[in-house]
N, C-alpha and C. Protein backbone atom coordinates (compact mmCIF):
# COMPACT_ATOMS: atom_id res chain seq x y z
N UNK A 1 -56.25 -181.79 112.06
CA UNK A 1 -56.51 -180.71 113.01
C UNK A 1 -55.53 -179.57 112.72
N UNK A 2 -56.08 -178.40 112.41
CA UNK A 2 -55.26 -177.24 112.11
C UNK A 2 -54.70 -176.65 113.40
N UNK A 3 -53.39 -176.44 113.40
CA UNK A 3 -52.72 -175.77 114.52
C UNK A 3 -52.34 -174.37 114.06
N UNK A 4 -52.04 -173.51 115.01
CA UNK A 4 -51.70 -172.13 114.67
C UNK A 4 -50.49 -172.04 113.75
N UNK A 5 -49.47 -172.88 113.98
CA UNK A 5 -48.28 -172.83 113.12
C UNK A 5 -48.60 -173.30 111.71
N UNK A 6 -49.55 -174.24 111.59
CA UNK A 6 -50.00 -174.66 110.25
C UNK A 6 -50.65 -173.48 109.54
N UNK A 7 -51.42 -172.71 110.27
CA UNK A 7 -52.08 -171.53 109.70
C UNK A 7 -51.05 -170.50 109.28
N UNK A 8 -50.01 -170.32 110.09
CA UNK A 8 -48.94 -169.39 109.72
C UNK A 8 -48.33 -169.81 108.38
N UNK A 9 -48.06 -171.10 108.21
CA UNK A 9 -47.51 -171.61 106.96
C UNK A 9 -48.47 -171.34 105.79
N UNK A 10 -49.75 -171.54 106.02
CA UNK A 10 -50.74 -171.30 104.97
C UNK A 10 -50.80 -169.83 104.58
N UNK A 11 -50.74 -168.95 105.56
CA UNK A 11 -50.78 -167.51 105.28
C UNK A 11 -49.55 -167.09 104.49
N UNK A 12 -48.39 -167.59 104.88
CA UNK A 12 -47.15 -167.25 104.17
C UNK A 12 -47.20 -167.80 102.74
N UNK A 13 -47.64 -169.04 102.59
CA UNK A 13 -47.73 -169.64 101.25
C UNK A 13 -48.72 -168.87 100.38
N UNK A 14 -49.86 -168.51 100.93
CA UNK A 14 -50.85 -167.73 100.16
C UNK A 14 -50.25 -166.40 99.74
N UNK A 15 -49.52 -165.76 100.65
CA UNK A 15 -48.87 -164.49 100.32
C UNK A 15 -47.86 -164.65 99.20
N UNK A 16 -47.11 -165.73 99.21
CA UNK A 16 -46.12 -165.97 98.15
C UNK A 16 -46.81 -166.20 96.81
N UNK A 17 -47.89 -166.99 96.80
CA UNK A 17 -48.62 -167.21 95.56
C UNK A 17 -49.24 -165.91 95.06
N UNK A 18 -49.79 -165.12 95.97
CA UNK A 18 -50.33 -163.82 95.58
C UNK A 18 -49.25 -162.92 95.03
N UNK A 19 -48.06 -163.00 95.60
CA UNK A 19 -46.93 -162.20 95.11
C UNK A 19 -46.54 -162.57 93.69
N UNK A 20 -46.63 -163.85 93.35
CA UNK A 20 -46.33 -164.27 91.98
C UNK A 20 -47.31 -163.63 91.00
N UNK A 21 -48.56 -163.60 91.39
CA UNK A 21 -49.58 -162.97 90.53
C UNK A 21 -49.35 -161.46 90.46
N UNK A 22 -49.07 -160.86 91.59
CA UNK A 22 -48.85 -159.41 91.65
C UNK A 22 -47.60 -158.96 90.92
N UNK A 23 -46.62 -159.86 90.77
CA UNK A 23 -45.37 -159.51 90.09
C UNK A 23 -45.64 -159.08 88.66
N UNK A 24 -46.50 -159.82 87.95
CA UNK A 24 -46.83 -159.44 86.57
C UNK A 24 -47.49 -158.07 86.53
N UNK A 25 -48.40 -157.83 87.44
CA UNK A 25 -49.11 -156.55 87.47
C UNK A 25 -48.13 -155.41 87.79
N UNK A 26 -47.16 -155.71 88.63
CA UNK A 26 -46.12 -154.72 88.97
C UNK A 26 -45.30 -154.37 87.74
N UNK A 27 -44.91 -155.41 86.97
CA UNK A 27 -44.14 -155.18 85.76
C UNK A 27 -44.91 -154.34 84.74
N UNK A 28 -46.22 -154.48 84.75
CA UNK A 28 -47.08 -153.73 83.83
C UNK A 28 -47.45 -152.35 84.38
N UNK A 29 -46.90 -152.00 85.55
CA UNK A 29 -47.15 -150.70 86.19
C UNK A 29 -48.63 -150.49 86.47
N UNK A 30 -49.30 -151.53 86.92
CA UNK A 30 -50.71 -151.45 87.26
C UNK A 30 -50.87 -151.04 88.71
N UNK A 31 -52.03 -150.48 89.07
CA UNK A 31 -52.21 -149.97 90.43
C UNK A 31 -52.11 -151.04 91.52
N UNK A 32 -52.55 -152.25 91.23
CA UNK A 32 -52.47 -153.33 92.21
C UNK A 32 -51.32 -154.24 91.82
N UNK A 33 -50.22 -154.11 92.54
CA UNK A 33 -49.03 -154.89 92.21
C UNK A 33 -48.75 -155.95 93.25
N UNK A 34 -47.49 -156.17 93.51
CA UNK A 34 -47.07 -157.23 94.42
C UNK A 34 -47.68 -157.05 95.80
N UNK A 35 -47.53 -155.88 96.38
CA UNK A 35 -48.00 -155.66 97.76
C UNK A 35 -49.49 -155.94 97.88
N UNK A 36 -50.28 -155.40 96.96
CA UNK A 36 -51.72 -155.59 97.02
C UNK A 36 -52.08 -157.07 96.94
N UNK A 37 -51.49 -157.78 95.99
CA UNK A 37 -51.83 -159.19 95.82
C UNK A 37 -51.35 -160.04 97.00
N UNK A 38 -50.20 -159.74 97.55
CA UNK A 38 -49.73 -160.46 98.75
C UNK A 38 -50.70 -160.22 99.90
N UNK A 39 -51.07 -158.96 100.11
CA UNK A 39 -51.98 -158.65 101.22
C UNK A 39 -53.35 -159.29 101.05
N UNK A 40 -53.87 -159.29 99.84
CA UNK A 40 -55.18 -159.90 99.60
C UNK A 40 -55.14 -161.40 99.84
N UNK A 41 -54.13 -162.07 99.28
CA UNK A 41 -54.03 -163.53 99.44
C UNK A 41 -53.78 -163.91 100.90
N UNK A 42 -52.84 -163.23 101.54
CA UNK A 42 -52.53 -163.54 102.94
C UNK A 42 -53.72 -163.22 103.85
N UNK A 43 -54.39 -162.11 103.58
CA UNK A 43 -55.56 -161.74 104.38
C UNK A 43 -56.69 -162.75 104.24
N UNK A 44 -56.94 -163.19 103.02
CA UNK A 44 -57.99 -164.20 102.80
C UNK A 44 -57.64 -165.50 103.52
N UNK A 45 -56.38 -165.92 103.41
CA UNK A 45 -55.96 -167.15 104.10
C UNK A 45 -56.09 -167.00 105.61
N UNK A 46 -55.77 -165.83 106.12
CA UNK A 46 -55.86 -165.59 107.56
C UNK A 46 -57.31 -165.62 108.04
N UNK A 47 -58.20 -164.94 107.33
CA UNK A 47 -59.62 -164.96 107.71
C UNK A 47 -60.18 -166.38 107.69
N UNK A 48 -59.93 -167.08 106.60
CA UNK A 48 -60.48 -168.42 106.44
C UNK A 48 -59.85 -169.39 107.44
N UNK A 49 -58.54 -169.31 107.58
CA UNK A 49 -57.86 -170.18 108.52
C UNK A 49 -58.29 -169.94 109.96
N UNK A 50 -58.48 -168.68 110.31
CA UNK A 50 -58.96 -168.36 111.67
C UNK A 50 -60.36 -168.94 111.88
N UNK A 51 -61.19 -168.90 110.85
CA UNK A 51 -62.53 -169.49 110.96
C UNK A 51 -62.45 -171.00 111.16
N UNK A 52 -61.47 -171.64 110.50
CA UNK A 52 -61.27 -173.08 110.70
C UNK A 52 -60.87 -173.36 112.14
N UNK A 53 -59.97 -172.55 112.68
CA UNK A 53 -59.55 -172.73 114.09
C UNK A 53 -60.74 -172.57 115.04
N UNK A 54 -61.57 -171.58 114.79
CA UNK A 54 -62.75 -171.36 115.63
C UNK A 54 -63.71 -172.54 115.50
N UNK A 55 -63.90 -173.02 114.27
CA UNK A 55 -64.79 -174.15 114.04
C UNK A 55 -64.29 -175.39 114.79
N UNK A 56 -62.99 -175.61 114.77
CA UNK A 56 -62.42 -176.75 115.48
C UNK A 56 -62.66 -176.66 116.97
N UNK A 57 -62.58 -175.46 117.49
CA UNK A 57 -62.73 -175.30 118.94
C UNK A 57 -64.18 -175.41 119.39
N UNK A 58 -65.12 -175.39 118.43
CA UNK A 58 -66.54 -175.47 118.81
C UNK A 58 -66.97 -176.90 119.11
N UNK A 59 -66.18 -177.89 118.72
CA UNK A 59 -66.50 -179.27 119.03
C UNK A 59 -67.63 -179.80 118.16
N UNK A 60 -68.02 -181.04 118.41
CA UNK A 60 -69.03 -181.72 117.60
C UNK A 60 -70.39 -181.04 117.69
N UNK A 61 -70.73 -180.50 118.84
CA UNK A 61 -72.05 -179.88 119.01
C UNK A 61 -72.21 -178.64 118.14
N UNK A 62 -71.12 -177.94 117.92
CA UNK A 62 -71.19 -176.72 117.13
C UNK A 62 -70.77 -176.91 115.68
N UNK A 63 -70.69 -178.15 115.20
CA UNK A 63 -70.18 -178.41 113.86
C UNK A 63 -71.04 -177.76 112.78
N UNK A 64 -72.35 -177.86 112.89
CA UNK A 64 -73.23 -177.26 111.88
C UNK A 64 -73.10 -175.74 111.89
N UNK A 65 -73.08 -175.15 113.08
CA UNK A 65 -72.92 -173.70 113.18
C UNK A 65 -71.57 -173.27 112.63
N UNK A 66 -70.54 -174.08 112.87
CA UNK A 66 -69.21 -173.75 112.38
C UNK A 66 -69.18 -173.77 110.85
N UNK A 67 -69.88 -174.71 110.23
CA UNK A 67 -69.93 -174.76 108.77
C UNK A 67 -70.66 -173.54 108.22
N UNK A 68 -71.73 -173.13 108.88
CA UNK A 68 -72.45 -171.94 108.45
C UNK A 68 -71.57 -170.71 108.59
N UNK A 69 -70.81 -170.63 109.67
CA UNK A 69 -69.90 -169.51 109.86
C UNK A 69 -68.83 -169.48 108.78
N UNK A 70 -68.35 -170.64 108.35
CA UNK A 70 -67.34 -170.71 107.31
C UNK A 70 -67.88 -170.10 106.01
N UNK A 71 -69.11 -170.41 105.67
CA UNK A 71 -69.68 -169.84 104.45
C UNK A 71 -69.83 -168.34 104.58
N UNK A 72 -70.12 -167.86 105.77
CA UNK A 72 -70.20 -166.41 105.97
C UNK A 72 -68.84 -165.75 105.85
N UNK A 73 -67.81 -166.40 106.37
CA UNK A 73 -66.46 -165.87 106.26
C UNK A 73 -66.05 -165.78 104.79
N UNK A 74 -66.30 -166.85 104.04
CA UNK A 74 -65.96 -166.84 102.62
C UNK A 74 -66.74 -165.76 101.89
N UNK A 75 -68.01 -165.61 102.21
CA UNK A 75 -68.82 -164.55 101.59
C UNK A 75 -68.29 -163.17 101.95
N UNK A 76 -67.81 -163.01 103.18
CA UNK A 76 -67.23 -161.74 103.60
C UNK A 76 -65.95 -161.42 102.85
N UNK A 77 -65.13 -162.43 102.61
CA UNK A 77 -63.89 -162.23 101.84
C UNK A 77 -64.24 -161.79 100.42
N UNK A 78 -65.20 -162.48 99.80
CA UNK A 78 -65.60 -162.15 98.43
C UNK A 78 -66.16 -160.73 98.37
N UNK A 79 -66.99 -160.38 99.33
CA UNK A 79 -67.59 -159.04 99.35
C UNK A 79 -66.51 -157.96 99.53
N UNK A 80 -65.62 -158.16 100.47
CA UNK A 80 -64.57 -157.18 100.71
C UNK A 80 -63.67 -156.99 99.50
N UNK A 81 -63.32 -158.09 98.87
CA UNK A 81 -62.46 -158.01 97.69
C UNK A 81 -63.23 -157.39 96.52
N UNK A 82 -64.53 -157.61 96.48
CA UNK A 82 -65.35 -156.97 95.44
C UNK A 82 -65.26 -155.46 95.53
N UNK A 83 -65.26 -154.93 96.74
CA UNK A 83 -65.12 -153.48 96.89
C UNK A 83 -63.74 -153.00 96.44
N UNK A 84 -62.71 -153.77 96.76
CA UNK A 84 -61.36 -153.41 96.29
C UNK A 84 -61.31 -153.39 94.77
N UNK A 85 -61.84 -154.45 94.17
CA UNK A 85 -61.82 -154.55 92.71
C UNK A 85 -62.63 -153.46 92.05
N UNK A 86 -63.79 -153.17 92.60
CA UNK A 86 -64.64 -152.12 92.02
C UNK A 86 -63.93 -150.77 92.04
N UNK A 87 -63.11 -150.55 93.04
CA UNK A 87 -62.38 -149.30 93.12
C UNK A 87 -61.30 -149.16 92.06
N UNK A 88 -60.92 -150.27 91.44
CA UNK A 88 -59.85 -150.19 90.44
C UNK A 88 -60.40 -150.08 89.01
N UNK A 89 -61.72 -150.18 88.84
CA UNK A 89 -62.31 -150.12 87.51
C UNK A 89 -62.70 -148.69 87.19
N UNK A 90 -62.21 -148.20 86.06
CA UNK A 90 -62.45 -146.82 85.64
C UNK A 90 -62.99 -146.83 84.22
N UNK A 91 -64.04 -146.07 83.99
CA UNK A 91 -64.57 -145.92 82.63
C UNK A 91 -64.20 -144.53 82.14
N UNK A 92 -63.56 -144.49 80.97
CA UNK A 92 -63.19 -143.22 80.34
C UNK A 92 -63.75 -143.24 78.92
N UNK A 93 -64.90 -142.62 78.74
CA UNK A 93 -65.57 -142.65 77.44
C UNK A 93 -65.97 -144.07 77.11
N UNK A 94 -65.50 -144.60 76.00
CA UNK A 94 -65.83 -145.98 75.62
C UNK A 94 -64.77 -146.96 76.09
N UNK A 95 -63.81 -146.50 76.85
CA UNK A 95 -62.74 -147.37 77.36
C UNK A 95 -63.00 -147.77 78.79
N UNK A 96 -62.73 -149.00 79.09
CA UNK A 96 -62.84 -149.50 80.46
C UNK A 96 -61.46 -149.97 80.87
N UNK A 97 -61.00 -149.45 81.99
CA UNK A 97 -59.66 -149.82 82.48
C UNK A 97 -59.80 -150.42 83.88
N UNK A 98 -58.93 -151.34 84.18
CA UNK A 98 -58.88 -151.91 85.52
C UNK A 98 -59.58 -153.25 85.68
N UNK A 99 -60.21 -153.77 84.62
CA UNK A 99 -60.92 -155.04 84.76
C UNK A 99 -59.95 -156.19 85.07
N UNK A 100 -58.82 -156.23 84.40
CA UNK A 100 -57.86 -157.29 84.66
C UNK A 100 -57.29 -157.17 86.07
N UNK A 101 -57.04 -155.95 86.50
CA UNK A 101 -56.56 -155.74 87.87
C UNK A 101 -57.60 -156.22 88.87
N UNK A 102 -58.86 -155.86 88.66
CA UNK A 102 -59.93 -156.28 89.56
C UNK A 102 -60.07 -157.80 89.58
N UNK A 103 -60.02 -158.40 88.40
CA UNK A 103 -60.13 -159.86 88.32
C UNK A 103 -58.94 -160.54 88.98
N UNK A 104 -57.75 -159.96 88.83
CA UNK A 104 -56.57 -160.51 89.46
C UNK A 104 -56.66 -160.48 90.98
N UNK A 105 -57.16 -159.38 91.52
CA UNK A 105 -57.33 -159.27 92.97
C UNK A 105 -58.38 -160.27 93.45
N UNK A 106 -59.45 -160.42 92.68
CA UNK A 106 -60.53 -161.35 93.03
C UNK A 106 -60.03 -162.79 93.05
N UNK A 107 -59.32 -163.21 92.01
CA UNK A 107 -58.84 -164.59 91.96
C UNK A 107 -57.73 -164.81 92.99
N UNK A 108 -56.98 -163.78 93.31
CA UNK A 108 -55.95 -163.90 94.35
C UNK A 108 -56.59 -164.16 95.71
N UNK A 109 -57.73 -163.52 95.97
CA UNK A 109 -58.46 -163.79 97.21
C UNK A 109 -58.97 -165.22 97.24
N UNK A 110 -59.42 -165.71 96.11
CA UNK A 110 -59.88 -167.11 96.04
C UNK A 110 -58.73 -168.06 96.32
N UNK A 111 -57.57 -167.77 95.74
CA UNK A 111 -56.39 -168.61 95.97
C UNK A 111 -56.00 -168.58 97.44
N UNK A 112 -55.99 -167.40 98.02
CA UNK A 112 -55.68 -167.29 99.45
C UNK A 112 -56.69 -168.06 100.31
N UNK A 113 -57.96 -168.01 99.92
CA UNK A 113 -59.00 -168.71 100.68
C UNK A 113 -58.80 -170.22 100.62
N UNK A 114 -58.54 -170.76 99.44
CA UNK A 114 -58.38 -172.22 99.35
C UNK A 114 -57.11 -172.68 100.05
N UNK A 115 -56.06 -171.86 99.99
CA UNK A 115 -54.85 -172.20 100.74
C UNK A 115 -55.15 -172.15 102.24
N UNK A 116 -55.89 -171.16 102.67
CA UNK A 116 -56.27 -171.05 104.08
C UNK A 116 -57.08 -172.25 104.56
N UNK A 117 -57.85 -172.83 103.65
CA UNK A 117 -58.62 -174.04 103.97
C UNK A 117 -57.79 -175.31 103.90
N UNK A 118 -56.56 -175.19 103.35
CA UNK A 118 -55.68 -176.35 103.28
C UNK A 118 -55.69 -177.07 101.95
N UNK A 119 -56.31 -176.48 100.94
CA UNK A 119 -56.34 -177.10 99.61
C UNK A 119 -55.16 -176.58 98.79
N UNK A 120 -53.99 -177.11 99.09
CA UNK A 120 -52.74 -176.65 98.51
C UNK A 120 -52.71 -176.83 97.00
N UNK A 121 -53.09 -178.01 96.54
CA UNK A 121 -53.02 -178.30 95.10
C UNK A 121 -53.93 -177.36 94.34
N UNK A 122 -55.12 -177.12 94.85
CA UNK A 122 -56.06 -176.21 94.21
C UNK A 122 -55.50 -174.79 94.16
N UNK A 123 -54.87 -174.34 95.23
CA UNK A 123 -54.28 -173.01 95.26
C UNK A 123 -53.13 -172.85 94.28
N UNK A 124 -52.27 -173.85 94.22
CA UNK A 124 -51.14 -173.80 93.29
C UNK A 124 -51.66 -173.88 91.85
N UNK A 125 -52.64 -174.75 91.61
CA UNK A 125 -53.20 -174.86 90.26
C UNK A 125 -53.88 -173.56 89.84
N UNK A 126 -54.60 -172.93 90.74
CA UNK A 126 -55.23 -171.64 90.43
C UNK A 126 -54.20 -170.59 90.09
N UNK A 127 -53.11 -170.56 90.83
CA UNK A 127 -52.03 -169.62 90.55
C UNK A 127 -51.42 -169.90 89.18
N UNK A 128 -51.21 -171.17 88.86
CA UNK A 128 -50.63 -171.53 87.57
C UNK A 128 -51.54 -171.09 86.42
N UNK A 129 -52.84 -171.24 86.59
CA UNK A 129 -53.79 -170.81 85.54
C UNK A 129 -53.71 -169.31 85.34
N UNK A 130 -53.68 -168.56 86.42
CA UNK A 130 -53.60 -167.10 86.32
C UNK A 130 -52.31 -166.69 85.62
N UNK A 131 -51.20 -167.29 86.01
CA UNK A 131 -49.92 -166.95 85.39
C UNK A 131 -49.90 -167.33 83.91
N UNK A 132 -50.53 -168.45 83.57
CA UNK A 132 -50.63 -168.86 82.17
C UNK A 132 -51.43 -167.83 81.37
N UNK A 133 -52.51 -167.34 81.94
CA UNK A 133 -53.30 -166.31 81.27
C UNK A 133 -52.46 -165.06 81.03
N UNK A 134 -51.69 -164.65 82.02
CA UNK A 134 -50.85 -163.47 81.85
C UNK A 134 -49.79 -163.70 80.77
N UNK A 135 -49.17 -164.87 80.75
CA UNK A 135 -48.16 -165.18 79.73
C UNK A 135 -48.80 -165.16 78.35
N UNK A 136 -49.94 -165.81 78.21
CA UNK A 136 -50.62 -165.83 76.91
C UNK A 136 -51.03 -164.42 76.47
N UNK A 137 -51.43 -163.60 77.41
CA UNK A 137 -51.79 -162.22 77.10
C UNK A 137 -50.59 -161.44 76.58
N UNK A 138 -49.44 -161.64 77.20
CA UNK A 138 -48.22 -160.97 76.74
C UNK A 138 -47.83 -161.43 75.34
N UNK A 139 -47.94 -162.74 75.10
CA UNK A 139 -47.62 -163.29 73.78
C UNK A 139 -48.57 -162.71 72.73
N UNK A 140 -49.87 -162.69 73.03
CA UNK A 140 -50.85 -162.15 72.08
C UNK A 140 -50.59 -160.67 71.81
N UNK A 141 -50.26 -159.91 72.83
CA UNK A 141 -49.96 -158.49 72.64
C UNK A 141 -48.73 -158.29 71.76
N UNK A 142 -47.72 -159.10 71.98
CA UNK A 142 -46.50 -159.00 71.18
C UNK A 142 -46.79 -159.39 69.73
N UNK A 143 -47.59 -160.43 69.52
CA UNK A 143 -47.93 -160.85 68.17
C UNK A 143 -48.75 -159.78 67.45
N UNK A 144 -49.67 -159.15 68.19
CA UNK A 144 -50.49 -158.09 67.60
C UNK A 144 -49.60 -156.92 67.16
N UNK A 145 -48.67 -156.54 68.01
CA UNK A 145 -47.77 -155.44 67.67
C UNK A 145 -46.88 -155.79 66.49
N UNK A 146 -46.37 -157.02 66.46
CA UNK A 146 -45.52 -157.44 65.35
C UNK A 146 -46.30 -157.51 64.04
N UNK A 147 -47.54 -157.93 64.13
CA UNK A 147 -48.37 -158.11 62.93
C UNK A 147 -48.87 -156.77 62.37
N UNK A 148 -49.28 -155.88 63.25
CA UNK A 148 -49.89 -154.63 62.80
C UNK A 148 -48.99 -153.42 62.95
N UNK A 149 -47.93 -153.55 63.70
CA UNK A 149 -47.08 -152.40 63.98
C UNK A 149 -47.69 -151.50 65.04
N UNK A 150 -48.81 -151.93 65.62
CA UNK A 150 -49.54 -151.17 66.64
C UNK A 150 -48.79 -151.28 67.97
N UNK A 151 -48.76 -150.20 68.71
CA UNK A 151 -48.13 -150.23 70.03
C UNK A 151 -49.06 -150.78 71.09
N UNK A 152 -50.35 -150.92 70.74
CA UNK A 152 -51.31 -151.45 71.70
C UNK A 152 -51.93 -150.40 72.58
N UNK A 153 -51.51 -149.14 72.41
CA UNK A 153 -52.01 -148.09 73.29
C UNK A 153 -53.33 -147.49 72.79
N UNK A 154 -53.41 -147.17 71.53
CA UNK A 154 -54.58 -146.48 71.02
C UNK A 154 -55.75 -147.43 70.84
N UNK A 155 -56.84 -147.12 71.49
CA UNK A 155 -58.07 -147.88 71.32
C UNK A 155 -58.05 -149.25 71.99
N UNK A 156 -57.10 -149.51 72.87
CA UNK A 156 -57.04 -150.79 73.54
C UNK A 156 -58.10 -150.84 74.63
N UNK A 157 -59.08 -151.70 74.46
CA UNK A 157 -60.17 -151.81 75.45
C UNK A 157 -60.21 -153.20 76.03
N UNK A 158 -59.05 -153.83 76.18
CA UNK A 158 -59.00 -155.18 76.72
C UNK A 158 -59.32 -155.23 78.21
N UNK A 159 -59.50 -154.10 78.86
CA UNK A 159 -59.81 -154.11 80.28
C UNK A 159 -58.59 -154.09 81.17
N UNK A 160 -57.49 -153.73 80.64
CA UNK A 160 -56.25 -153.70 81.43
C UNK A 160 -56.30 -152.60 82.44
């Protein structure tokens, strides 16, 4: 049974995990950094956790309706974050910028949602995967620069 203080812990934990993801984006001077990722993760956890509290209070008679409401809440989180992500994607000629930022915000909302539902291991594992992708991306960029002497700026269409 989820209590309000349990939800507070989930929201704080989701915010911290989102902050870890946002830290890399902050270091890269991207538009969505620590604050954005913390807010997205904490907000998703808060919406989902609040829906769990409402579902609990509906009792056995409202269990089916509560499950349907949960899917609507999750769909609302995904839709709202989709608008945030879409706002960060910019096309300049044949270059597309902001895809990684949009994807980071999207996955951060997913992590916040699963933490809000109480799936701690899944949330931590999702965060670890995202951070691994960022580390591998940095390594690949460094290897490319070392191999070609390229700074990575001209013609880079990786979606950053």
